């Protein structure tokens, strides 16, 4: 009789433990991730980054913003921040996709982290909205971020249009 109870308990444990197989494991955020998120929020909210609207033009991936960098590994870029979704690709992949798009009248810009530098006093992040069309222009924002205890604050920002 006890062998029957043990077998029944094992079966119940196996079946009930399998129900939570879709749990998400959250990766701890390092300083690079936190700085990038703050820089992107600073660029997008309140329209700080020039040429934001061309980033959201319709194209093949619908509501995602094309995103790349040469100053960090692509894996360091976030897939989303709040309601913003990013499609992370290399610059060559982005240009191939946009050139193949049929809507040549209104090609979207792509987002790029042009510079990511760490110093003793903080971080400098340069984010650009770039056109895929030759001489298409865009805009960029340079953001200086300082670490205060365990949080980060924006100390200054410089905004430029690219013509």
C-alpha atoms as a PDB file:
ATOM      1  CA  UNK A   1       0.000   0.000   0.000  1.00  0.00           C
ATOM      2  CA  UNK A   2       2.819   2.478   0.784  1.00  0.00           C
ATOM      3  CA  UNK A   3       4.499   1.741  -2.564  1.00  0.00           C
ATOM      4  CA  UNK A   4       1.225   2.699  -4.265  1.00  0.00           C
ATOM      5  CA  UNK A   5       1.082   6.028  -2.323  1.00  0.00           C
ATOM      6  CA  UNK A   6       4.701   6.852  -3.190  1.00  0.00           C
ATOM      7  CA  UNK A   7       4.112   6.153  -6.884  1.00  0.00           C
ATOM      8  CA  UNK A   8       0.949   8.296  -6.831  1.00  0.00           C
ATOM      9  CA  UNK A   9       2.824  11.182  -5.150  1.00  0.00           C
ATOM     10  CA  UNK A  10       5.616  10.998  -7.742  1.00  0.00           C
ATOM     11  CA  UNK A  11       3.101  11.073 -10.594  1.00  0.00           C
ATOM     12  CA  UNK A  12       1.291  14.074  -9.080  1.00  0.00           C
ATOM     13  CA  UNK A  13       4.573  15.946  -8.568  1.00  0.00           C
ATOM     14  CA  UNK A  14       5.713  15.269 -12.134  1.00  0.00           C
ATOM     15  CA  UNK A  15       2.454  16.461 -13.692  1.00  0.00           C
ATOM     16  CA  UNK A  16       2.035  19.563 -11.526  1.00  0.00           C
ATOM     17  CA  UNK A  17       5.644  20.675 -11.916  1.00  0.00           C
ATOM     18  CA  UNK A  18       5.380  20.635 -15.721  1.00  0.00           C
ATOM     19  CA  UNK A  19       2.672  23.316 -15.713  1.00  0.00           C
ATOM     20  CA  UNK A  20       5.167  26.118 -15.040  1.00  0.00           C
ATOM     21  CA  UNK A  21       7.474  25.385 -17.952  1.00  0.00           C
ATOM     22  CA  UNK A  22       6.886  28.858 -19.485  1.00  0.00           C
ATOM     23  CA  UNK A  23       8.425  30.835 -16.643  1.00  0.00           C
ATOM     24  CA  UNK A  24      10.670  33.689 -17.692  1.00  0.00           C
ATOM     25  CA  UNK A  25      14.110  34.012 -16.264  1.00  0.00           C
ATOM     26  CA  UNK A  26      15.016  37.665 -15.919  1.00  0.00           C
ATOM     27  CA  UNK A  27      18.625  38.496 -16.558  1.00  0.00           C
ATOM     28  CA  UNK A  28      20.109  41.019 -14.156  1.00  0.00           C
ATOM     29  CA  UNK A  29      20.758  44.350 -15.828  1.00  0.00           C
ATOM     30  CA  UNK A  30      24.356  45.522 -15.972  1.00  0.00           C
ATOM     31  CA  UNK A  31      25.456  49.163 -16.178  1.00  0.00           C
ATOM     32  CA  UNK A  32      25.730  49.088 -19.987  1.00  0.00           C
ATOM     33  CA  UNK A  33      22.109  47.955 -20.299  1.00  0.00           C
ATOM     34  CA  UNK A  34      20.871  50.566 -17.832  1.00  0.00           C
ATOM     35  CA  UNK A  35      22.815  53.362 -19.548  1.00  0.00           C
ATOM     36  CA  UNK A  36      21.529  52.329 -22.996  1.00  0.00           C
ATOM     37  CA  UNK A  37      17.938  52.248 -21.761  1.00  0.00           C
ATOM     38  CA  UNK A  38      18.236  55.707 -20.194  1.00  0.00           C
ATOM     39  CA  UNK A  39      19.897  57.091 -23.331  1.00  0.00           C
ATOM     40  CA  UNK A  40      17.173  55.664 -25.592  1.00  0.00           C
ATOM     41  CA  UNK A  41      14.407  56.980 -23.348  1.00  0.00           C
ATOM     42  CA  UNK A  42      16.080  60.402 -23.359  1.00  0.00           C
ATOM     43  CA  UNK A  43      16.329  60.315 -27.166  1.00  0.00           C
ATOM     44  CA  UNK A  44      12.721  59.256 -27.800  1.00  0.00           C
ATOM     45  CA  UNK A  45      10.659  60.943 -25.127  1.00  0.00           C
ATOM     46  CA  UNK A  46       9.888  64.636 -25.588  1.00  0.00           C
ATOM     47  CA  UNK A  47      11.213  64.468 -29.159  1.00  0.00           C
ATOM     48  CA  UNK A  48      14.870  64.992 -28.241  1.00  0.00           C
ATOM     49  CA  UNK A  49      16.234  63.025 -31.202  1.00  0.00           C
ATOM     50  CA  UNK A  50      15.884  64.879 -34.521  1.00  0.00           C
ATOM     51  CA  UNK A  51      14.294  62.801 -37.320  1.00  0.00           C
ATOM     52  CA  UNK A  52      12.284  60.540 -35.003  1.00  0.00           C
ATOM     53  CA  UNK A  53       9.240  60.265 -37.269  1.00  0.00           C
ATOM     54  CA  UNK A  54      11.137  58.639 -40.204  1.00  0.00           C
ATOM     55  CA  UNK A  55      12.173  55.847 -37.793  1.00  0.00           C
ATOM     56  CA  UNK A  56       8.521  54.825 -37.596  1.00  0.00           C
ATOM     57  CA  UNK A  57       7.644  54.807 -41.307  1.00  0.00           C
ATOM     58  CA  UNK A  58       5.930  51.552 -42.335  1.00  0.00           C
ATOM     59  CA  UNK A  59       8.078  48.780 -43.800  1.00  0.00           C
ATOM     60  CA  UNK A  60       8.377  44.984 -43.765  1.00  0.00           C
ATOM     61  CA  UNK A  61       8.739  44.534 -39.973  1.00  0.00           C
ATOM     62  CA  UNK A  62       5.710  46.746 -39.248  1.00  0.00           C
ATOM     63  CA  UNK A  63       6.047  48.315 -35.787  1.00  0.00           C
ATOM     64  CA  UNK A  64       9.722  47.626 -35.054  1.00  0.00           C
ATOM     65  CA  UNK A  65      12.426  50.256 -35.384  1.00  0.00           C
ATOM     66  CA  UNK A  66      15.532  49.066 -37.215  1.00  0.00           C
ATOM     67  CA  UNK A  67      18.451  49.257 -34.776  1.00  0.00           C
ATOM     68  CA  UNK A  68      22.207  48.720 -35.101  1.00  0.00           C
ATOM     69  CA  UNK A  69      25.567  49.674 -33.626  1.00  0.00           C
ATOM     70  CA  UNK A  70      29.257  49.508 -34.418  1.00  0.00           C
ATOM     71  CA  UNK A  71      30.406  50.567 -30.957  1.00  0.00           C
ATOM     72  CA  UNK A  72      28.932  47.634 -28.987  1.00  0.00           C
ATOM     73  CA  UNK A  73      28.082  43.991 -29.658  1.00  0.00           C
ATOM     74  CA  UNK A  74      24.625  43.706 -31.231  1.00  0.00           C
ATOM     75  CA  UNK A  75      23.588  41.468 -28.318  1.00  0.00           C
ATOM     76  CA  UNK A  76      23.987  44.447 -25.952  1.00  0.00           C
ATOM     77  CA  UNK A  77      21.120  46.314 -27.654  1.00  0.00           C
ATOM     78  CA  UNK A  78      17.664  45.971 -26.078  1.00  0.00           C
ATOM     79  CA  UNK A  79      14.836  44.359 -28.052  1.00  0.00           C
ATOM     80  CA  UNK A  80      12.331  46.794 -26.576  1.00  0.00           C
ATOM     81  CA  UNK A  81      11.947  49.664 -24.162  1.00  0.00           C
ATOM     82  CA  UNK A  82       8.470  50.438 -22.870  1.00  0.00           C
ATOM     83  CA  UNK A  83       6.299  50.484 -26.014  1.00  0.00           C
ATOM     84  CA  UNK A  84       9.210  50.805 -28.464  1.00  0.00           C
ATOM     85  CA  UNK A  85      10.169  47.602 -30.295  1.00  0.00           C
ATOM     86  CA  UNK A  86      13.503  47.188 -32.036  1.00  0.00           C
ATOM     87  CA  UNK A  87      14.646  44.917 -34.848  1.00  0.00           C
ATOM     88  CA  UNK A  88      18.370  44.493 -34.228  1.00  0.00           C
ATOM     89  CA  UNK A  89      20.458  43.844 -37.323  1.00  0.00           C
ATOM     90  CA  UNK A  90      23.834  44.780 -38.745  1.00  0.00           C
ATOM     91  CA  UNK A  91      24.011  47.947 -40.855  1.00  0.00           C
ATOM     92  CA  UNK A  92      24.464  45.875 -44.037  1.00  0.00           C
ATOM     93  CA  UNK A  93      21.378  43.785 -43.237  1.00  0.00           C
ATOM     94  CA  UNK A  94      19.335  46.927 -42.603  1.00  0.00           C
ATOM     95  CA  UNK A  95      20.410  48.535 -45.866  1.00  0.00           C
ATOM     96  CA  UNK A  96      19.666  45.313 -47.794  1.00  0.00           C
ATOM     97  CA  UNK A  97      16.164  45.153 -46.334  1.00  0.00           C
ATOM     98  CA  UNK A  98      15.408  48.794 -47.040  1.00  0.00           C
ATOM     99  CA  UNK A  99      16.785  48.702 -50.580  1.00  0.00           C
ATOM    100  CA  UNK A 100      14.625  45.632 -51.315  1.00  0.00           C
ATOM    101  CA  UNK A 101      11.527  47.411 -49.986  1.00  0.00           C
ATOM    102  CA  UNK A 102       9.053  48.501 -52.655  1.00  0.00           C
ATOM    103  CA  UNK A 103       8.139  51.765 -50.928  1.00  0.00           C
ATOM    104  CA  UNK A 104      11.076  53.858 -52.163  1.00  0.00           C
ATOM    105  CA  UNK A 105       9.154  57.118 -51.627  1.00  0.00           C
ATOM    106  CA  UNK A 106       9.099  56.828 -47.856  1.00  0.00           C
ATOM    107  CA  UNK A 107      11.907  54.587 -46.624  1.00  0.00           C
ATOM    108  CA  UNK A 108      12.295  54.567 -42.846  1.00  0.00           C
ATOM    109  CA  UNK A 109      15.406  55.765 -41.093  1.00  0.00           C
ATOM    110  CA  UNK A 110      17.292  53.351 -38.876  1.00  0.00           C
ATOM    111  CA  UNK A 111      18.577  53.869 -35.352  1.00  0.00           C
ATOM    112  CA  UNK A 112      22.258  53.516 -34.507  1.00  0.00           C
ATOM    113  CA  UNK A 113      24.359  53.744 -31.353  1.00  0.00           C
ATOM    114  CA  UNK A 114      27.311  55.529 -32.952  1.00  0.00           C
ATOM    115  CA  UNK A 115      29.389  55.915 -29.780  1.00  0.00           C
ATOM    116  CA  UNK A 116      29.344  54.347 -26.353  1.00  0.00           C
ATOM    117  CA  UNK A 117      32.208  55.491 -24.151  1.00  0.00           C
ATOM    118  CA  UNK A 118      32.851  54.973 -20.470  1.00  0.00           C
ATOM    119  CA  UNK A 119      35.037  57.308 -18.411  1.00  0.00           C
ATOM    120  CA  UNK A 120      35.809  57.756 -14.727  1.00  0.00           C
ATOM    121  CA  UNK A 121      32.936  60.194 -14.338  1.00  0.00           C
ATOM    122  CA  UNK A 122      30.222  58.551 -16.441  1.00  0.00           C
ATOM    123  CA  UNK A 123      29.165  57.502 -19.924  1.00  0.00           C
ATOM    124  CA  UNK A 124      28.810  59.227 -23.259  1.00  0.00           C
ATOM    125  CA  UNK A 125      26.258  57.738 -25.678  1.00  0.00           C
ATOM    126  CA  UNK A 126      25.632  59.052 -29.199  1.00  0.00           C
ATOM    127  CA  UNK A 127      22.417  57.850 -30.822  1.00  0.00           C
ATOM    128  CA  UNK A 128      21.615  58.576 -34.474  1.00  0.00           C
ATOM    129  CA  UNK A 129      18.558  58.409 -36.697  1.00  0.00           C
ATOM    130  CA  UNK A 130      20.037  57.782 -40.138  1.00  0.00           C
ATOM    131  CA  UNK A 131      18.546  57.695 -43.603  1.00  0.00           C
ATOM    132  CA  UNK A 132      19.296  54.732 -45.838  1.00  0.00           C
ATOM    133  CA  UNK A 133      19.203  57.024 -48.875  1.00  0.00           C
ATOM    134  CA  UNK A 134      22.508  58.553 -49.933  1.00  0.00           C
ATOM    135  CA  UNK A 135      22.683  62.141 -48.626  1.00  0.00           C
ATOM    136  CA  UNK A 136      19.391  61.519 -46.839  1.00  0.00           C
ATOM    137  CA  UNK A 137      20.333  63.121 -43.542  1.00  0.00           C
ATOM    138  CA  UNK A 138      18.921  62.407 -40.118  1.00  0.00           C
ATOM    139  CA  UNK A 139      19.741  63.527 -36.624  1.00  0.00           C
ATOM    140  CA  UNK A 140      21.746  62.620 -33.560  1.00  0.00           C
ATOM    141  CA  UNK A 141      21.838  63.183 -29.846  1.00  0.00           C
ATOM    142  CA  UNK A 142      24.877  62.952 -27.615  1.00  0.00           C
ATOM    143  CA  UNK A 143      24.015  62.178 -24.011  1.00  0.00           C
ATOM    144  CA  UNK A 144      26.333  62.349 -21.032  1.00  0.00           C
ATOM    145  CA  UNK A 145      25.130  60.069 -18.210  1.00  0.00           C
ATOM    146  CA  UNK A 146      26.591  59.952 -14.705  1.00  0.00           C
ATOM    147  CA  UNK A 147      26.237  57.239 -12.088  1.00  0.00           C
ATOM    148  CA  UNK A 148      25.047  58.433  -8.699  1.00  0.00           C
ATOM    149  CA  UNK A 149      25.151  55.606  -6.151  1.00  0.00           C
ATOM    150  CA  UNK A 150      23.098  52.845  -7.816  1.00  0.00           C
ATOM    151  CA  UNK A 151      21.221  54.973 -10.329  1.00  0.00           C
ATOM    152  CA  UNK A 152      22.014  56.909 -13.485  1.00  0.00           C
ATOM    153  CA  UNK A 153      21.115  60.488 -14.366  1.00  0.00           C
ATOM    154  CA  UNK A 154      21.370  62.506 -17.565  1.00  0.00           C
ATOM    155  CA  UNK A 155      23.860  65.324 -16.984  1.00  0.00           C
ATOM    156  CA  UNK A 156      23.744  66.908 -20.438  1.00  0.00           C
ATOM    157  CA  UNK A 157      22.652  66.325 -24.019  1.00  0.00           C
ATOM    158  CA  UNK A 158      23.640  67.788 -27.365  1.00  0.00           C
ATOM    159  CA  UNK A 159      21.268  67.602 -30.317  1.00  0.00           C
ATOM    160  CA  UNK A 160      22.291  67.911 -33.986  1.00  0.00           C
ATOM    161  CA  UNK A 161      20.649  67.563 -37.366  1.00  0.00           C
ATOM    162  CA  UNK A 162      22.523  65.679 -40.052  1.00  0.00           C
ATOM    163  CA  UNK A 163      22.158  67.230 -43.500  1.00  0.00           C
END
